[in-house]
């Protein structure tokens, strides 16, 4: 059954959708969720629930489904994801392979650069992601 995605109004709703998306490893649904979610709200919606699995499905969903269509939105999500509680902890626990996924997404952002961010901004954000 296809997950019905609408903009979550609070952290609880967001968490429920993220858990369902994660349980099914449904990257397309996750991409849809991130597309309808205001990046600025991400830290609040994630609350203290960010973990490695959620982080990775976000990265992969943005990489596979969003970066080609809207690199500006991807940049915004990466920016605000880095402001989320537990971001540093999750980052510290990523494996080499998982870090490579993050690097790939940044490479795609550099290739698809648009007016919403500059390469200097991207370079600064890469440092935050310890790449």
C-alpha atoms as a PDB file:
ATOM      1  CA  UNK A   1       0.000   0.000   0.000  1.00  0.00           C
ATOM      2  CA  UNK A   2       1.373   3.398  -1.015  1.00  0.00           C
ATOM      3  CA  UNK A   3       2.010   5.754   1.855  1.00  0.00           C
ATOM      4  CA  UNK A   4      -0.066   8.927   1.709  1.00  0.00           C
ATOM      5  CA  UNK A   5       2.199  11.866   2.344  1.00  0.00           C
ATOM      6  CA  UNK A   6       1.071  15.322   3.360  1.00  0.00           C
ATOM      7  CA  UNK A   7       2.906  18.100   5.135  1.00  0.00           C
ATOM      8  CA  UNK A   8       3.261  17.093   8.789  1.00  0.00           C
ATOM      9  CA  UNK A   9       1.937  19.687  11.223  1.00  0.00           C
ATOM     10  CA  UNK A  10       3.962  18.578  14.247  1.00  0.00           C
ATOM     11  CA  UNK A  11       6.888  16.443  15.402  1.00  0.00           C
ATOM     12  CA  UNK A  12       4.609  13.519  16.279  1.00  0.00           C
ATOM     13  CA  UNK A  13       3.036  13.340  12.794  1.00  0.00           C
ATOM     14  CA  UNK A  14       6.439  13.768  11.170  1.00  0.00           C
ATOM     15  CA  UNK A  15       7.857  10.978  13.339  1.00  0.00           C
ATOM     16  CA  UNK A  16       5.003   8.634  12.421  1.00  0.00           C
ATOM     17  CA  UNK A  17       5.558   9.197   8.697  1.00  0.00           C
ATOM     18  CA  UNK A  18       9.342   8.884   9.021  1.00  0.00           C
ATOM     19  CA  UNK A  19       8.950   5.606  10.928  1.00  0.00           C
ATOM     20  CA  UNK A  20       6.614   4.190   8.271  1.00  0.00           C
ATOM     21  CA  UNK A  21       8.913   5.331   5.456  1.00  0.00           C
ATOM     22  CA  UNK A  22      11.932   3.884   7.246  1.00  0.00           C
ATOM     23  CA  UNK A  23      10.239   0.563   8.041  1.00  0.00           C
ATOM     24  CA  UNK A  24       9.517   0.067   4.328  1.00  0.00           C
ATOM     25  CA  UNK A  25      12.829   1.637   3.200  1.00  0.00           C
ATOM     26  CA  UNK A  26      10.578   3.663   0.865  1.00  0.00           C
ATOM     27  CA  UNK A  27      12.949   6.296  -0.505  1.00  0.00           C
ATOM     28  CA  UNK A  28      10.375   7.642  -2.973  1.00  0.00           C
ATOM     29  CA  UNK A  29       7.898   8.308  -0.139  1.00  0.00           C
ATOM     30  CA  UNK A  30      10.680   9.829   1.960  1.00  0.00           C
ATOM     31  CA  UNK A  31      11.588  12.126  -0.942  1.00  0.00           C
ATOM     32  CA  UNK A  32       7.934  13.122  -1.169  1.00  0.00           C
ATOM     33  CA  UNK A  33       7.883  13.858   2.568  1.00  0.00           C
ATOM     34  CA  UNK A  34      11.006  16.021   2.287  1.00  0.00           C
ATOM     35  CA  UNK A  35       9.557  17.803  -0.743  1.00  0.00           C
ATOM     36  CA  UNK A  36       6.408  18.847   1.145  1.00  0.00           C
ATOM     37  CA  UNK A  37       8.256  19.684   4.375  1.00  0.00           C
ATOM     38  CA  UNK A  38       9.649  23.168   4.864  1.00  0.00           C
ATOM     39  CA  UNK A  39      13.405  22.642   5.443  1.00  0.00           C
ATOM     40  CA  UNK A  40      13.408  25.361   8.133  1.00  0.00           C
ATOM     41  CA  UNK A  41      11.029  23.209  10.203  1.00  0.00           C
ATOM     42  CA  UNK A  42      13.221  20.106   9.995  1.00  0.00           C
ATOM     43  CA  UNK A  43      15.090  20.547  13.319  1.00  0.00           C
ATOM     44  CA  UNK A  44      11.816  21.065  15.206  1.00  0.00           C
ATOM     45  CA  UNK A  45       9.998  18.227  13.412  1.00  0.00           C
ATOM     46  CA  UNK A  46      12.866  15.812  14.016  1.00  0.00           C
ATOM     47  CA  UNK A  47      12.980  16.865  17.662  1.00  0.00           C
ATOM     48  CA  UNK A  48      15.533  14.530  19.301  1.00  0.00           C
ATOM     49  CA  UNK A  49      14.685  11.576  17.045  1.00  0.00           C
ATOM     50  CA  UNK A  50      17.483  11.858  14.482  1.00  0.00           C
ATOM     51  CA  UNK A  51      19.414   8.612  14.174  1.00  0.00           C
ATOM     52  CA  UNK A  52      21.682   6.980  11.615  1.00  0.00           C
ATOM     53  CA  UNK A  53      18.899   5.170   9.779  1.00  0.00           C
ATOM     54  CA  UNK A  54      16.756   8.283   9.401  1.00  0.00           C
ATOM     55  CA  UNK A  55      19.781  10.349   8.403  1.00  0.00           C
ATOM     56  CA  UNK A  56      20.706   7.849   5.689  1.00  0.00           C
ATOM     57  CA  UNK A  57      17.241   7.451   4.211  1.00  0.00           C
ATOM     58  CA  UNK A  58      17.030  11.264   4.042  1.00  0.00           C
ATOM     59  CA  UNK A  59      20.398  11.452   2.259  1.00  0.00           C
ATOM     60  CA  UNK A  60      19.551   8.645  -0.173  1.00  0.00           C
ATOM     61  CA  UNK A  61      16.063   9.978  -0.898  1.00  0.00           C
ATOM     62  CA  UNK A  62      17.447  13.430  -1.643  1.00  0.00           C
ATOM     63  CA  UNK A  63      20.167  11.864  -3.801  1.00  0.00           C
ATOM     64  CA  UNK A  64      17.910   9.539  -5.817  1.00  0.00           C
ATOM     65  CA  UNK A  65      14.758  11.614  -6.183  1.00  0.00           C
ATOM     66  CA  UNK A  66      15.210  15.300  -5.410  1.00  0.00           C
ATOM     67  CA  UNK A  67      18.663  16.638  -6.341  1.00  0.00           C
ATOM     68  CA  UNK A  68      18.047  16.368 -10.102  1.00  0.00           C
ATOM     69  CA  UNK A  69      14.758  18.286  -9.854  1.00  0.00           C
ATOM     70  CA  UNK A  70      15.416  20.797  -7.095  1.00  0.00           C
ATOM     71  CA  UNK A  71      19.032  21.110  -5.916  1.00  0.00           C
ATOM     72  CA  UNK A  72      18.116  24.272  -3.973  1.00  0.00           C
ATOM     73  CA  UNK A  73      15.670  22.311  -1.824  1.00  0.00           C
ATOM     74  CA  UNK A  74      18.316  19.636  -1.203  1.00  0.00           C
ATOM     75  CA  UNK A  75      20.818  22.280  -0.116  1.00  0.00           C
ATOM     76  CA  UNK A  76      18.228  23.767   2.289  1.00  0.00           C
ATOM     77  CA  UNK A  77      17.441  20.340   3.759  1.00  0.00           C
ATOM     78  CA  UNK A  78      21.121  19.562   4.286  1.00  0.00           C
ATOM     79  CA  UNK A  79      21.621  22.969   5.880  1.00  0.00           C
ATOM     80  CA  UNK A  80      18.751  22.572   8.352  1.00  0.00           C
ATOM     81  CA  UNK A  81      19.435  18.876   8.953  1.00  0.00           C
ATOM     82  CA  UNK A  82      22.826  19.966  10.285  1.00  0.00           C
ATOM     83  CA  UNK A  83      20.984  22.104  12.874  1.00  0.00           C
ATOM     84  CA  UNK A  84      18.994  19.142  14.200  1.00  0.00           C
ATOM     85  CA  UNK A  85      19.542  17.744  17.664  1.00  0.00           C
ATOM     86  CA  UNK A  86      21.876  14.698  17.638  1.00  0.00           C
ATOM     87  CA  UNK A  87      23.318  15.658  14.201  1.00  0.00           C
ATOM     88  CA  UNK A  88      26.924  15.586  15.466  1.00  0.00           C
ATOM     89  CA  UNK A  89      26.375  12.229  17.178  1.00  0.00           C
ATOM     90  CA  UNK A  90      24.873  10.672  14.048  1.00  0.00           C
ATOM     91  CA  UNK A  91      27.675  12.094  11.921  1.00  0.00           C
ATOM     92  CA  UNK A  92      30.322  10.648  14.232  1.00  0.00           C
ATOM     93  CA  UNK A  93      28.790   7.173  13.941  1.00  0.00           C
ATOM     94  CA  UNK A  94      28.571   7.011  10.126  1.00  0.00           C
ATOM     95  CA  UNK A  95      30.548   4.272   8.426  1.00  0.00           C
ATOM     96  CA  UNK A  96      32.927   4.974   5.553  1.00  0.00           C
ATOM     97  CA  UNK A  97      30.294   3.758   3.045  1.00  0.00           C
ATOM     98  CA  UNK A  98      27.610   5.939   4.603  1.00  0.00           C
ATOM     99  CA  UNK A  99      29.922   8.969   4.453  1.00  0.00           C
ATOM    100  CA  UNK A 100      30.450   8.196   0.748  1.00  0.00           C
ATOM    101  CA  UNK A 101      26.682   8.549   0.197  1.00  0.00           C
ATOM    102  CA  UNK A 102      26.790  11.989   1.778  1.00  0.00           C
ATOM    103  CA  UNK A 103      29.805  12.903  -0.366  1.00  0.00           C
ATOM    104  CA  UNK A 104      27.950  11.750  -3.515  1.00  0.00           C
ATOM    105  CA  UNK A 105      25.025  13.993  -2.664  1.00  0.00           C
ATOM    106  CA  UNK A 106      27.357  16.961  -2.213  1.00  0.00           C
ATOM    107  CA  UNK A 107      29.032  16.139  -5.558  1.00  0.00           C
ATOM    108  CA  UNK A 108      25.620  16.140  -7.252  1.00  0.00           C
ATOM    109  CA  UNK A 109      24.809  19.469  -5.622  1.00  0.00           C
ATOM    110  CA  UNK A 110      28.029  20.927  -7.013  1.00  0.00           C
ATOM    111  CA  UNK A 111      27.193  19.595 -10.497  1.00  0.00           C
ATOM    112  CA  UNK A 112      23.603  20.863 -10.374  1.00  0.00           C
ATOM    113  CA  UNK A 113      24.415  24.170  -8.710  1.00  0.00           C
ATOM    114  CA  UNK A 114      21.717  26.807  -9.134  1.00  0.00           C
ATOM    115  CA  UNK A 115      21.009  30.373  -8.023  1.00  0.00           C
ATOM    116  CA  UNK A 116      19.772  29.269  -4.585  1.00  0.00           C
ATOM    117  CA  UNK A 117      23.262  28.553  -3.260  1.00  0.00           C
ATOM    118  CA  UNK A 118      26.869  29.215  -4.205  1.00  0.00           C
ATOM    119  CA  UNK A 119      29.756  26.769  -4.361  1.00  0.00           C
ATOM    120  CA  UNK A 120      31.294  28.623  -1.394  1.00  0.00           C
ATOM    121  CA  UNK A 121      28.123  27.904   0.624  1.00  0.00           C
ATOM    122  CA  UNK A 122      28.373  24.276  -0.387  1.00  0.00           C
ATOM    123  CA  UNK A 123      32.038  24.132   0.655  1.00  0.00           C
ATOM    124  CA  UNK A 124      31.117  25.561   4.069  1.00  0.00           C
ATOM    125  CA  UNK A 125      28.317  23.037   4.506  1.00  0.00           C
ATOM    126  CA  UNK A 126      30.643  20.182   3.513  1.00  0.00           C
ATOM    127  CA  UNK A 127      32.871  21.182   6.439  1.00  0.00           C
ATOM    128  CA  UNK A 128      29.878  20.950   8.771  1.00  0.00           C
ATOM    129  CA  UNK A 129      29.321  17.414   7.422  1.00  0.00           C
ATOM    130  CA  UNK A 130      33.044  16.740   8.014  1.00  0.00           C
ATOM    131  CA  UNK A 131      33.734  15.867   4.372  1.00  0.00           C
END
